[in-house]
Amino acid sequence: MEEKYVLLAKSGDNEALEKLFMKYKNDILRNGKNLFIKGGNVDDLLQEGYIGLMKAIKSYDEARGVSFSTFANICIKRQIITAIKSSTSNRNEKLNSSIVGDKEVNLEDLTQYRKPSVKFFSPEDILLGKELIELLNNYLSENLTELEMKVFFYMCKQYKYNEIADILNEPSKKIDNAIQRVRKKVLGYLKEYSK
């Protein structure tokens, strides 16, 4: 039964992938129990475990006669151990420190004051994000004018307002006003959603 989800996930079925993520979350936590990544936290171990699970899904071969569960747990454990070894090796020490002025600054010191630039999301976060996108899409379809929908489309593609004006053959001021209305509607919806 589980192998069916693996085959579906391999072929790009996101629902099957999410089911496997949910099913193996406890296994990942168990494999990471009592372990830590230097400069990391439990979420980092969880992310590494999910990477191991993804590798298991991609390379699982039913013909070898091993259950997916056994194979997945091996891949998860190996990925977590590899991440831990990498975090403690001195190989990247030069990359993880730099000199600012006449003072050496360690990467760990810098990360205390800055948030990481890349945020990793759990499967639950991904699922909630997909739900929000779908709800926002429905809201915008019902509440944006035809011009605002076109403007929003080009905004998402990161066009500047004067480029959008040229594409839609509209005055720049009209496009700028439409952008402001779209932003107001999107922010209003997101504010309501987060309550």
Protein backbone atom coordinates (compact mmCIF):
# COMPACT_ATOMS: atom_id res chain seq x y z
CA MET A 1 0.00 0.00 0.00
CA GLU A 2 2.79 2.41 0.97
CA GLU A 3 4.69 1.56 -2.21
CA LYS A 4 1.71 2.91 -4.17
CA TYR A 5 2.19 6.34 -2.55
CA VAL A 6 5.92 6.16 -3.26
CA LEU A 7 5.27 5.54 -6.97
CA LEU A 8 2.75 8.39 -7.07
CA ALA A 9 5.14 10.75 -5.26
CA LYS A 10 7.93 9.77 -7.67
CA SER A 11 5.73 10.76 -10.57
CA GLY A 12 5.06 14.19 -9.06
CA ASP A 13 1.84 13.62 -7.07
CA ASN A 14 2.06 16.24 -4.29
CA GLU A 15 -0.79 14.71 -2.29
CA ALA A 16 1.02 11.36 -2.10
CA LEU A 17 4.23 13.16 -1.14
CA GLU A 18 2.45 15.03 1.67
CA LYS A 19 0.98 11.76 2.97
CA LEU A 20 4.45 10.21 3.08
CA PHE A 21 5.82 13.33 4.82
CA MET A 22 3.11 13.11 7.46
CA LYS A 23 3.57 9.36 7.91
CA TYR A 24 7.35 9.60 8.40
CA LYS A 25 7.49 12.69 10.59
CA ASN A 26 7.66 10.61 13.79
CA ASP A 27 10.34 8.34 12.28
CA ILE A 28 12.39 11.41 11.39
CA LEU A 29 12.03 12.82 14.90
CA ARG A 30 12.97 9.44 16.38
CA ASN A 31 16.06 9.19 14.17
CA GLY A 32 17.13 12.69 15.19
CA LYS A 33 16.44 12.18 18.90
CA ASN A 34 19.44 13.04 21.10
CA LEU A 35 21.34 14.43 18.09
CA PHE A 36 22.08 18.02 17.16
CA ILE A 37 23.58 20.02 14.34
CA LYS A 38 26.24 22.52 15.39
CA GLY A 39 24.63 25.94 15.16
CA GLY A 40 21.25 24.36 14.36
CA ASN A 41 18.09 23.23 16.10
CA VAL A 42 15.44 20.48 15.98
CA ASP A 43 13.87 22.02 12.86
CA ASP A 44 17.20 21.69 11.04
CA LEU A 45 17.31 17.99 11.90
CA LEU A 46 13.71 17.63 10.74
CA GLN A 47 14.58 19.29 7.43
CA GLU A 48 17.54 16.96 6.96
CA GLY A 49 15.26 14.02 7.71
CA TYR A 50 12.81 15.19 5.04
CA ILE A 51 15.71 15.49 2.58
CA GLY A 52 16.62 11.88 3.41
CA LEU A 53 13.00 10.85 2.86
CA MET A 54 12.95 12.62 -0.52
CA LYS A 55 16.12 10.77 -1.52
CA ALA A 56 14.50 7.50 -0.45
CA ILE A 57 11.41 8.23 -2.55
CA LYS A 58 13.50 9.10 -5.61
CA SER A 59 15.79 6.08 -5.44
CA TYR A 60 13.49 3.36 -4.05
CA ASP A 61 13.42 0.21 -6.17
CA GLU A 62 10.74 -2.30 -5.18
CA ALA A 63 12.51 -5.02 -7.21
CA ARG A 64 15.31 -5.19 -4.63
CA GLY A 65 12.96 -6.85 -2.16
CA VAL A 66 13.35 -4.32 0.68
CA SER A 67 10.31 -2.61 2.15
CA PHE A 68 10.10 1.13 1.60
CA SER A 69 9.82 1.70 5.35
CA THR A 70 13.20 0.04 6.00
CA PHE A 71 14.85 1.82 3.09
CA ALA A 72 13.39 5.20 4.07
CA ASN A 73 14.60 4.92 7.66
CA ILE A 74 18.13 4.11 6.47
CA CYS A 75 18.12 7.12 4.10
CA ILE A 76 16.73 9.41 6.81
CA LYS A 77 19.33 8.29 9.34
CA ARG A 78 22.20 8.64 6.84
CA GLN A 79 21.10 12.15 5.83
CA ILE A 80 20.89 13.31 9.44
CA ILE A 81 24.31 11.80 10.28
CA THR A 82 25.87 13.37 7.17
CA ALA A 83 24.47 16.79 8.14
CA ILE A 84 25.83 16.44 11.67
CA LYS A 85 29.27 15.43 10.39
CA SER A 86 29.30 18.37 7.98
CA SER A 87 28.36 20.80 10.73
CA THR A 88 31.22 19.67 12.96
CA SER A 89 33.94 19.33 10.32
CA ASN A 90 36.63 21.97 10.05
CA ARG A 91 36.50 21.79 6.27
CA ASN A 92 34.23 24.85 5.98
CA GLU A 93 35.76 26.81 8.85
CA LYS A 94 37.28 29.44 6.53
CA LEU A 95 33.94 29.94 4.81
CA ASN A 96 32.15 30.26 8.14
CA SER A 97 34.32 33.09 9.40
CA SER A 98 35.41 36.39 7.94
CA ILE A 99 37.34 39.47 8.87
CA VAL A 100 35.48 42.73 9.39
CA GLY A 101 37.93 45.59 9.71
CA ASP A 102 40.67 44.22 11.94
CA LYS A 103 38.40 41.84 13.84
CA GLU A 104 37.62 38.21 12.94
CA VAL A 105 33.89 37.48 13.03
CA ASN A 106 32.52 33.97 13.20
CA LEU A 107 29.38 33.06 11.23
CA GLU A 108 27.68 31.92 14.42
CA ASP A 109 28.18 35.41 15.91
CA LEU A 110 26.59 37.03 12.87
CA THR A 111 23.57 34.71 12.86
CA GLN A 112 22.70 35.73 16.41
CA TYR A 113 21.78 39.17 15.10
CA ARG A 114 20.29 38.28 11.74
CA LYS A 115 17.50 36.06 10.70
CA PRO A 116 18.48 33.42 8.13
CA SER A 117 17.81 34.52 4.56
CA VAL A 118 16.30 31.16 3.63
CA LYS A 119 13.41 29.79 5.63
CA PHE A 120 12.68 26.08 5.58
CA PHE A 121 9.07 25.00 5.76
CA SER A 122 7.58 21.88 7.26
CA PRO A 123 5.01 19.89 5.25
CA GLU A 124 2.30 21.39 7.46
CA ASP A 125 3.48 24.90 6.57
CA ILE A 126 3.48 23.96 2.88
CA LEU A 127 -0.05 22.59 3.12
CA LEU A 128 -1.31 25.72 4.90
CA GLY A 129 0.49 27.90 2.34
CA LYS A 130 -1.21 26.08 -0.53
CA GLU A 131 -4.56 26.58 1.18
CA LEU A 132 -3.89 30.30 1.62
CA ILE A 133 -2.89 30.68 -2.03
CA GLU A 134 -6.08 28.96 -3.17
CA LEU A 135 -8.25 31.11 -0.88
CA LEU A 136 -6.44 34.29 -1.93
CA ASN A 137 -6.80 33.35 -5.59
CA ASN A 138 -10.57 32.87 -5.15
CA TYR A 139 -10.84 36.17 -3.28
CA LEU A 140 -8.92 38.07 -5.95
CA SER A 141 -10.96 36.51 -8.77
CA GLU A 142 -14.12 37.82 -7.12
CA ASN A 143 -12.82 41.22 -5.94
CA LEU A 144 -10.41 42.55 -8.57
CA THR A 145 -11.53 44.35 -11.69
CA GLU A 146 -10.38 43.09 -15.07
CA LEU A 147 -7.62 45.74 -15.20
CA GLU A 148 -6.52 44.95 -11.64
CA MET A 149 -6.29 41.23 -12.49
CA LYS A 150 -4.05 42.00 -15.48
CA VAL A 151 -1.92 44.36 -13.39
CA PHE A 152 -1.66 41.74 -10.61
CA PHE A 153 -0.52 39.14 -13.14
CA TYR A 154 2.36 41.37 -14.28
CA MET A 155 3.16 42.41 -10.71
CA CYS A 156 3.67 38.73 -9.86
CA LYS A 157 6.09 38.51 -12.77
CA GLN A 158 7.96 41.47 -11.20
CA TYR A 159 7.32 44.00 -13.96
CA LYS A 160 7.61 47.66 -12.97
CA TYR A 161 4.52 49.84 -13.22
CA ASN A 162 5.78 51.72 -16.31
CA GLU A 163 6.48 48.39 -18.06
CA ILE A 164 2.96 47.21 -17.21
CA ALA A 165 1.57 50.49 -18.58
CA ASP A 166 3.40 49.89 -21.88
CA ILE A 167 2.23 46.28 -22.13
CA LEU A 168 -1.42 47.11 -21.36
CA ASN A 169 -1.28 50.36 -23.35
CA GLU A 170 -2.62 52.36 -20.39
CA PRO A 171 -1.41 55.60 -18.76
CA SER A 172 1.24 55.06 -16.06
CA LYS A 173 -0.89 56.88 -13.47
CA LYS A 174 -3.83 54.53 -14.09
CA ILE A 175 -1.55 51.50 -13.64
CA ASP A 176 0.01 52.99 -10.50
CA ASN A 177 -3.46 53.51 -9.02
CA ALA A 178 -4.45 49.95 -9.94
CA ILE A 179 -1.31 48.62 -8.23
CA GLN A 180 -2.18 50.53 -5.06
CA ARG A 181 -5.74 49.12 -5.09
CA VAL A 182 -4.44 45.57 -5.63
CA ARG A 183 -1.94 45.90 -2.78
CA LYS A 184 -4.63 47.25 -0.48
CA LYS A 185 -6.99 44.38 -1.31
CA VAL A 186 -4.30 41.70 -0.93
CA LEU A 187 -3.00 43.12 2.37
CA GLY A 188 -6.56 43.50 3.66
CA TYR A 189 -7.32 39.88 2.86
CA LEU A 190 -4.09 38.61 4.43
CA LYS A 191 -4.79 40.63 7.56
CA GLU A 192 -8.27 39.09 7.84
CA TYR A 193 -6.90 35.61 7.15
CA SER A 194 -4.30 35.85 9.92
CA LYS A 195 -6.90 36.75 12.59
